[in-house]
Amino acid sequence: MLGFKRFRNAAITLSGIELVHRIRKGQFSLAKLRLKDTAAPAVWVAVLSA
């Protein structure tokens, strides 16, 4: 991988990766967003818009 040209892009990418890990480990509460049994694309849309 060549790396990121801007720090902002790296920070956004890393925060997305950390969010995925939190969702998988159950540390991100999907119940508050009423998305307990929802497919992954709908979860992403709701999380990113919140």
PDB file of N, CA and C in Angstrom:
ATOM      1  N   MET A   1       0.850  -1.181   0.000  1.00  0.00           N
ATOM      2  CA  MET A   1       0.000   0.000   0.000  1.00  0.00           C
ATOM      3  C   MET A   1       0.891   1.239   0.000  1.00  0.00           C
ATOM      4  N   LEU A   2       0.547   2.196  -0.796  1.00  0.00           N
ATOM      5  CA  LEU A   2       1.363   3.392  -0.928  1.00  0.00           C
ATOM      6  C   LEU A   2       1.180   4.379   0.216  1.00  0.00           C
ATOM      7  N   GLY A   3       0.097   4.288   0.932  1.00  0.00           N
ATOM      8  CA  GLY A   3      -0.143   5.216   2.020  1.00  0.00           C
ATOM      9  C   GLY A   3      -1.178   6.268   1.660  1.00  0.00           C
ATOM     10  N   PHE A   4      -1.413   7.150   2.583  1.00  0.00           N
ATOM     11  CA  PHE A   4      -2.411   8.192   2.389  1.00  0.00           C
ATOM     12  C   PHE A   4      -1.717   9.508   2.085  1.00  0.00           C
ATOM     13  N   LYS A   5      -2.327  10.306   1.216  1.00  0.00           N
ATOM     14  CA  LYS A   5      -1.739  11.587   0.871  1.00  0.00           C
ATOM     15  C   LYS A   5      -2.097  12.663   1.891  1.00  0.00           C
ATOM     16  N   ARG A   6      -3.221  12.475   2.543  1.00  0.00           N
ATOM     17  CA  ARG A   6      -3.653  13.475   3.529  1.00  0.00           C
ATOM     18  C   ARG A   6      -3.992  12.789   4.849  1.00  0.00           C
ATOM     19  N   PHE A   7      -3.683  13.478   5.928  1.00  0.00           N
ATOM     20  CA  PHE A   7      -3.946  12.937   7.252  1.00  0.00           C
ATOM     21  C   PHE A   7      -5.439  12.726   7.472  1.00  0.00           C
ATOM     22  N   ARG A   8      -6.250  13.622   6.956  1.00  0.00           N
ATOM     23  CA  ARG A   8      -7.701  13.522   7.130  1.00  0.00           C
ATOM     24  C   ARG A   8      -8.237  12.218   6.542  1.00  0.00           C
ATOM     25  N   ASN A   9      -7.755  11.836   5.372  1.00  0.00           N
ATOM     26  CA  ASN A   9      -8.204  10.593   4.754  1.00  0.00           C
ATOM     27  C   ASN A   9      -7.803   9.383   5.586  1.00  0.00           C
ATOM     28  N   ALA A  10      -6.608   9.415   6.146  1.00  0.00           N
ATOM     29  CA  ALA A  10      -6.151   8.318   7.004  1.00  0.00           C
ATOM     30  C   ALA A  10      -7.007   8.238   8.263  1.00  0.00           C
ATOM     31  N   ALA A  11      -7.329   9.369   8.851  1.00  0.00           N
ATOM     32  CA  ALA A  11      -8.137   9.389  10.071  1.00  0.00           C
ATOM     33  C   ALA A  11      -9.540   8.856   9.814  1.00  0.00           C
ATOM     34  N   ILE A  12     -10.132   9.205   8.684  1.00  0.00           N
ATOM     35  CA  ILE A  12     -11.473   8.731   8.343  1.00  0.00           C
ATOM     36  C   ILE A  12     -11.459   7.218   8.133  1.00  0.00           C
ATOM     37  N   THR A  13     -10.452   6.738   7.426  1.00  0.00           N
ATOM     38  CA  THR A  13     -10.352   5.297   7.170  1.00  0.00           C
ATOM     39  C   THR A  13     -10.164   4.520   8.464  1.00  0.00           C
ATOM     40  N   LEU A  14      -9.280   4.991   9.319  1.00  0.00           N
ATOM     41  CA  LEU A  14      -9.039   4.300  10.588  1.00  0.00           C
ATOM     42  C   LEU A  14     -10.259   4.321  11.500  1.00  0.00           C
ATOM     43  N   SER A  15     -10.999   5.419  11.498  1.00  0.00           N
ATOM     44  CA  SER A  15     -12.196   5.466  12.334  1.00  0.00           C
ATOM     45  C   SER A  15     -13.251   4.492  11.821  1.00  0.00           C
ATOM     46  N   GLY A  16     -13.322   4.311  10.516  1.00  0.00           N
ATOM     47  CA  GLY A  16     -14.246   3.329   9.952  1.00  0.00           C
ATOM     48  C   GLY A  16     -13.861   1.916  10.325  1.00  0.00           C
ATOM     49  N   ILE A  17     -12.562   1.614  10.283  1.00  0.00           N
ATOM     50  CA  ILE A  17     -12.088   0.288  10.666  1.00  0.00           C
ATOM     51  C   ILE A  17     -12.369   0.027  12.139  1.00  0.00           C
ATOM     52  N   GLU A  18     -12.130   1.017  12.984  1.00  0.00           N
ATOM     53  CA  GLU A  18     -12.406   0.867  14.416  1.00  0.00           C
ATOM     54  C   GLU A  18     -13.897   0.682  14.664  1.00  0.00           C
ATOM     55  N   LEU A  19     -14.733   1.353  13.893  1.00  0.00           N
ATOM     56  CA  LEU A  19     -16.177   1.194  14.043  1.00  0.00           C
ATOM     57  C   LEU A  19     -16.606  -0.222  13.706  1.00  0.00           C
ATOM     58  N   VAL A  20     -16.035  -0.790  12.649  1.00  0.00           N
ATOM     59  CA  VAL A  20     -16.350  -2.171  12.284  1.00  0.00           C
ATOM     60  C   VAL A  20     -15.988  -3.115  13.417  1.00  0.00           C
ATOM     61  N   HIS A  21     -14.830  -2.913  14.016  1.00  0.00           N
ATOM     62  CA  HIS A  21     -14.412  -3.773  15.124  1.00  0.00           C
ATOM     63  C   HIS A  21     -15.350  -3.635  16.321  1.00  0.00           C
ATOM     64  N   ARG A  22     -15.772  -2.405  16.607  1.00  0.00           N
ATOM     65  CA  ARG A  22     -16.691  -2.194  17.732  1.00  0.00           C
ATOM     66  C   ARG A  22     -18.034  -2.860  17.478  1.00  0.00           C
ATOM     67  N   ILE A  23     -18.534  -2.774  16.240  1.00  0.00           N
ATOM     68  CA  ILE A  23     -19.814  -3.401  15.913  1.00  0.00           C
ATOM     69  C   ILE A  23     -19.704  -4.906  16.057  1.00  0.00           C
ATOM     70  N   ARG A  24     -18.617  -5.497  15.549  1.00  0.00           N
ATOM     71  CA  ARG A  24     -18.427  -6.948  15.632  1.00  0.00           C
ATOM     72  C   ARG A  24     -18.317  -7.433  17.070  1.00  0.00           C
ATOM     73  N   LYS A  25     -17.665  -6.645  17.924  1.00  0.00           N
ATOM     74  CA  LYS A  25     -17.485  -7.043  19.318  1.00  0.00           C
ATOM     75  C   LYS A  25     -18.720  -6.731  20.167  1.00  0.00           C
ATOM     76  N   GLY A  26     -19.693  -6.057  19.587  1.00  0.00           N
ATOM     77  CA  GLY A  26     -20.909  -5.736  20.317  1.00  0.00           C
ATOM     78  C   GLY A  26     -20.776  -4.525  21.220  1.00  0.00           C
ATOM     79  N   GLN A  27     -19.781  -3.696  20.987  1.00  0.00           N
ATOM     80  CA  GLN A  27     -19.560  -2.515  21.823  1.00  0.00           C
ATOM     81  C   GLN A  27     -20.321  -1.295  21.310  1.00  0.00           C
ATOM     82  N   PHE A  28     -20.850  -1.376  20.112  1.00  0.00           N
ATOM     83  CA  PHE A  28     -21.623  -0.271  19.547  1.00  0.00           C
ATOM     84  C   PHE A  28     -23.090  -0.642  19.650  1.00  0.00           C
ATOM     85  N   SER A  29     -23.862   0.158  20.326  1.00  0.00           N
ATOM     86  CA  SER A  29     -25.255  -0.176  20.596  1.00  0.00           C
ATOM     87  C   SER A  29     -26.128   0.086  19.375  1.00  0.00           C
ATOM     88  N   LEU A  30     -26.541  -0.998  18.724  1.00  0.00           N
ATOM     89  CA  LEU A  30     -27.438  -0.870  17.584  1.00  0.00           C
ATOM     90  C   LEU A  30     -28.887  -0.751  18.034  1.00  0.00           C
ATOM     91  N   ALA A  31     -29.176  -1.086  19.278  1.00  0.00           N
ATOM     92  CA  ALA A  31     -30.539  -1.009  19.788  1.00  0.00           C
ATOM     93  C   ALA A  31     -31.033   0.443  19.835  1.00  0.00           C
ATOM     94  N   LYS A  32     -30.140   1.362  20.158  1.00  0.00           N
ATOM     95  CA  LYS A  32     -30.533   2.774  20.210  1.00  0.00           C
ATOM     96  C   LYS A  32     -30.956   3.288  18.841  1.00  0.00           C
ATOM     97  N   LEU A  33     -30.356   2.740  17.791  1.00  0.00           N
ATOM     98  CA  LEU A  33     -30.702   3.142  16.432  1.00  0.00           C
ATOM     99  C   LEU A  33     -31.823   2.295  15.842  1.00  0.00           C
ATOM    100  N   ARG A  34     -32.350   1.371  16.647  1.00  0.00           N
ATOM    101  CA  ARG A  34     -33.400   0.433  16.230  1.00  0.00           C
ATOM    102  C   ARG A  34     -32.965  -0.406  15.026  1.00  0.00           C
ATOM    103  N   LEU A  35     -31.737  -0.921  15.097  1.00  0.00           N
ATOM    104  CA  LEU A  35     -31.176  -1.700  14.001  1.00  0.00           C
ATOM    105  C   LEU A  35     -30.665  -3.057  14.466  1.00  0.00           C
ATOM    106  N   LYS A  36     -31.310  -3.622  15.460  1.00  0.00           N
ATOM    107  CA  LYS A  36     -30.791  -4.856  16.049  1.00  0.00           C
ATOM    108  C   LYS A  36     -30.679  -5.997  15.040  1.00  0.00           C
ATOM    109  N   ASP A  37     -31.683  -6.270  14.238  1.00  0.00           N
ATOM    110  CA  ASP A  37     -31.665  -7.371  13.275  1.00  0.00           C
ATOM    111  C   ASP A  37     -31.732  -6.845  11.844  1.00  0.00           C
ATOM    112  N   THR A  38     -30.813  -5.941  11.511  1.00  0.00           N
ATOM    113  CA  THR A  38     -30.817  -5.303  10.203  1.00  0.00           C
ATOM    114  C   THR A  38     -29.569  -5.710   9.428  1.00  0.00           C
ATOM    115  N   ALA A  39     -29.652  -5.700   8.117  1.00  0.00           N
ATOM    116  CA  ALA A  39     -28.523  -6.053   7.263  1.00  0.00           C
ATOM    117  C   ALA A  39     -27.419  -4.995   7.353  1.00  0.00           C
ATOM    118  N   ALA A  40     -26.203  -5.397   7.022  1.00  0.00           N
ATOM    119  CA  ALA A  40     -25.037  -4.526   7.151  1.00  0.00           C
ATOM    120  C   ALA A  40     -25.145  -3.207   6.380  1.00  0.00           C
ATOM    121  N   PRO A  41     -25.610  -3.182   5.128  1.00  0.00           N
ATOM    122  CA  PRO A  41     -25.681  -1.879   4.434  1.00  0.00           C
ATOM    123  C   PRO A  41     -26.596  -0.869   5.133  1.00  0.00           C
ATOM    124  N   ALA A  42     -27.690  -1.335   5.678  1.00  0.00           N
ATOM    125  CA  ALA A  42     -28.597  -0.431   6.391  1.00  0.00           C
ATOM    126  C   ALA A  42     -27.956   0.075   7.682  1.00  0.00           C
ATOM    127  N   VAL A  43     -27.193  -0.779   8.334  1.00  0.00           N
ATOM    128  CA  VAL A  43     -26.474  -0.364   9.550  1.00  0.00           C
ATOM    129  C   VAL A  43     -25.476   0.724   9.218  1.00  0.00           C
ATOM    130  N   TRP A  44     -24.707   0.538   8.138  1.00  0.00           N
ATOM    131  CA  TRP A  44     -23.720   1.542   7.752  1.00  0.00           C
ATOM    132  C   TRP A  44     -24.366   2.886   7.464  1.00  0.00           C
ATOM    133  N   VAL A  45     -25.471   2.890   6.751  1.00  0.00           N
ATOM    134  CA  VAL A  45     -26.156   4.143   6.420  1.00  0.00           C
ATOM    135  C   VAL A  45     -26.626   4.844   7.695  1.00  0.00           C
ATOM    136  N   ALA A  46     -27.198   4.075   8.604  1.00  0.00           N
ATOM    137  CA  ALA A  46     -27.697   4.672   9.855  1.00  0.00           C
ATOM    138  C   ALA A  46     -26.569   5.170  10.742  1.00  0.00           C
ATOM    139  N   VAL A  47     -25.492   4.415  10.845  1.00  0.00           N
ATOM    140  CA  VAL A  47     -24.373   4.814  11.696  1.00  0.00           C
ATOM    141  C   VAL A  47     -23.685   6.038  11.136  1.00  0.00           C
ATOM    142  N   LEU A  48     -23.461   6.081   9.851  1.00  0.00           N
ATOM    143  CA  LEU A  48     -22.777   7.217   9.265  1.00  0.00           C
ATOM    144  C   LEU A  48     -23.624   8.481   9.268  1.00  0.00           C
ATOM    145  N   SER A  49     -24.938   8.339   9.265  1.00  0.00           N
ATOM    146  CA  SER A  49     -25.795   9.517   9.298  1.00  0.00           C
ATOM    147  C   SER A  49     -26.037  10.013  10.717  1.00  0.00           C
ATOM    148  N   ALA A  50     -25.773   9.187  11.717  1.00  0.00           N
ATOM    149  CA  ALA A  50     -26.006   9.567  13.125  1.00  0.00           C
ATOM    150  C   ALA A  50     -24.903  10.452  13.662  1.00  0.00           C
TER     151      ALA A  50
END
